[in-house]
C-alpha atoms as a PDB file:
ATOM      1  CA  UNK A   1     155.412 164.767  98.301  1.00  0.00           C
ATOM      2  CA  UNK A   2     151.950 165.971  99.291  1.00  0.00           C
ATOM      3  CA  UNK A   3     150.041 162.761 100.003  1.00  0.00           C
ATOM      4  CA  UNK A   4     149.839 158.991 100.027  1.00  0.00           C
ATOM      5  CA  UNK A   5     147.318 156.611  98.501  1.00  0.00           C
ATOM      6  CA  UNK A   6     146.956 152.840  98.959  1.00  0.00           C
ATOM      7  CA  UNK A   7     144.479 150.264  97.700  1.00  0.00           C
ATOM      8  CA  UNK A   8     143.721 147.584 100.297  1.00  0.00           C
ATOM      9  CA  UNK A   9     141.683 144.390 100.102  1.00  0.00           C
ATOM     10  CA  UNK A  10     140.767 142.819 103.413  1.00  0.00           C
ATOM     11  CA  UNK A  11     141.567 139.111 103.449  1.00  0.00           C
ATOM     12  CA  UNK A  12     138.769 137.949 105.728  1.00  0.00           C
ATOM     13  CA  UNK A  13     135.837 140.034 104.429  1.00  0.00           C
ATOM     14  CA  UNK A  14     137.170 140.572 100.869  1.00  0.00           C
ATOM     15  CA  UNK A  15     136.045 144.196 101.033  1.00  0.00           C
ATOM     16  CA  UNK A  16     138.061 146.853  99.239  1.00  0.00           C
ATOM     17  CA  UNK A  17     139.247 150.101 100.801  1.00  0.00           C
ATOM     18  CA  UNK A  18     141.254 153.150  99.822  1.00  0.00           C
ATOM     19  CA  UNK A  19     143.631 154.619 102.415  1.00  0.00           C
ATOM     20  CA  UNK A  20     144.534 158.235 101.722  1.00  0.00           C
ATOM     21  CA  UNK A  21     146.734 160.726 103.558  1.00  0.00           C
ATOM     22  CA  UNK A  22     146.677 164.382 102.587  1.00  0.00           C
ATOM     23  CA  UNK A  23     148.228 167.584 103.822  1.00  0.00           C
ATOM     24  CA  UNK A  24     145.483 169.910 105.030  1.00  0.00           C
ATOM     25  CA  UNK A  25     147.632 172.699 106.447  1.00  0.00           C
ATOM     26  CA  UNK A  26     151.277 173.426 107.205  1.00  0.00           C
ATOM     27  CA  UNK A  27     151.040 171.481 110.460  1.00  0.00           C
ATOM     28  CA  UNK A  28     148.025 169.250 109.905  1.00  0.00           C
ATOM     29  CA  UNK A  29     147.706 165.968 107.998  1.00  0.00           C
ATOM     30  CA  UNK A  30     144.626 163.771 107.590  1.00  0.00           C
ATOM     31  CA  UNK A  31     144.497 160.037 107.008  1.00  0.00           C
ATOM     32  CA  UNK A  32     141.152 158.714 105.797  1.00  0.00           C
ATOM     33  CA  UNK A  33     139.822 155.278 104.863  1.00  0.00           C
ATOM     34  CA  UNK A  34     137.072 154.987 102.262  1.00  0.00           C
ATOM     35  CA  UNK A  35     135.007 151.964 101.232  1.00  0.00           C
ATOM     36  CA  UNK A  36     135.762 151.235  97.590  1.00  0.00           C
ATOM     37  CA  UNK A  37     134.179 149.597  94.568  1.00  0.00           C
ATOM     38  CA  UNK A  38     135.603 146.641  92.663  1.00  0.00           C
ATOM     39  CA  UNK A  39     137.936 149.020  90.802  1.00  0.00           C
ATOM     40  CA  UNK A  40     139.109 150.719  94.028  1.00  0.00           C
ATOM     41  CA  UNK A  41     137.122 153.888  93.395  1.00  0.00           C
ATOM     42  CA  UNK A  42     135.847 155.379  96.683  1.00  0.00           C
ATOM     43  CA  UNK A  43     132.087 154.969  97.078  1.00  0.00           C
ATOM     44  CA  UNK A  44     131.696 158.343  98.819  1.00  0.00           C
ATOM     45  CA  UNK A  45     134.411 160.944  99.181  1.00  0.00           C
ATOM     46  CA  UNK A  46     132.363 163.047 101.579  1.00  0.00           C
ATOM     47  CA  UNK A  47     131.931 160.274 104.176  1.00  0.00           C
ATOM     48  CA  UNK A  48     135.065 158.276 104.971  1.00  0.00           C
ATOM     49  CA  UNK A  49     134.735 155.251 107.220  1.00  0.00           C
ATOM     50  CA  UNK A  50     137.577 156.558 109.382  1.00  0.00           C
ATOM     51  CA  UNK A  51     139.348 159.913 109.613  1.00  0.00           C
ATOM     52  CA  UNK A  52     142.440 160.528 111.790  1.00  0.00           C
ATOM     53  CA  UNK A  53     144.439 163.767 112.012  1.00  0.00           C
ATOM     54  CA  UNK A  54     148.182 164.019 112.668  1.00  0.00           C
ATOM     55  CA  UNK A  55     150.455 166.952 113.463  1.00  0.00           C
ATOM     56  CA  UNK A  56     153.677 165.891 111.717  1.00  0.00           C
ATOM     57  CA  UNK A  57     154.430 164.400 108.322  1.00  0.00           C
ATOM     58  CA  UNK A  58     156.325 161.445 109.793  1.00  0.00           C
ATOM     59  CA  UNK A  59     153.487 160.634 112.179  1.00  0.00           C
ATOM     60  CA  UNK A  60     150.962 160.782 109.322  1.00  0.00           C
ATOM     61  CA  UNK A  61     153.072 158.556 107.047  1.00  0.00           C
ATOM     62  CA  UNK A  62     153.593 155.998 109.828  1.00  0.00           C
ATOM     63  CA  UNK A  63     149.886 155.977 110.650  1.00  0.00           C
ATOM     64  CA  UNK A  64     149.010 155.574 106.959  1.00  0.00           C
ATOM     65  CA  UNK A  65     151.234 152.518 106.547  1.00  0.00           C
ATOM     66  CA  UNK A  66     150.102 151.043 109.872  1.00  0.00           C
ATOM     67  CA  UNK A  67     146.414 151.355 108.962  1.00  0.00           C
ATOM     68  CA  UNK A  68     146.950 149.931 105.477  1.00  0.00           C
ATOM     69  CA  UNK A  69     148.852 146.935 106.872  1.00  0.00           C
ATOM     70  CA  UNK A  70     146.341 146.266 109.671  1.00  0.00           C
ATOM     71  CA  UNK A  71     143.360 146.681 107.342  1.00  0.00           C
ATOM     72  CA  UNK A  72     144.608 143.802 105.177  1.00  0.00           C
ATOM     73  CA  UNK A  73     144.483 141.271 108.015  1.00  0.00           C
ATOM     74  CA  UNK A  74     142.193 142.486 110.801  1.00  0.00           C
ATOM     75  CA  UNK A  75     138.417 142.666 110.967  1.00  0.00           C
ATOM     76  CA  UNK A  76     137.612 146.198 109.638  1.00  0.00           C
ATOM     77  CA  UNK A  77     134.775 147.254 112.010  1.00  0.00           C
ATOM     78  CA  UNK A  78     136.925 146.386 115.019  1.00  0.00           C
ATOM     79  CA  UNK A  79     139.818 148.449 113.634  1.00  0.00           C
ATOM     80  CA  UNK A  80     137.543 151.413 112.869  1.00  0.00           C
ATOM     81  CA  UNK A  81     136.031 151.265 116.351  1.00  0.00           C
ATOM     82  CA  UNK A  82     139.477 151.219 117.939  1.00  0.00           C
ATOM     83  CA  UNK A  83     140.618 154.371 116.114  1.00  0.00           C
ATOM     84  CA  UNK A  84     137.346 156.286 116.357  1.00  0.00           C
ATOM     85  CA  UNK A  85     137.344 155.804 120.152  1.00  0.00           C
ATOM     86  CA  UNK A  86     140.704 157.561 120.514  1.00  0.00           C
END
């Protein structure tokens, strides 16, 4: 498996997002969150709202599922600020 993809709708703001994890290199994975349209098509692929890199596949998969789950319930700007600060 080379990547993961989830469609997420935030419950409080009703905004739609796409969470994507890809393999960039042998030892580098990237998880990105994109704002999406009504049909869950990313608005801009060149500018994700959040981008986080991981070193192992397991770490990337866990981060992907954690972000998708948290994005459903939490206020998105607060979540993005938390991860962009680290």
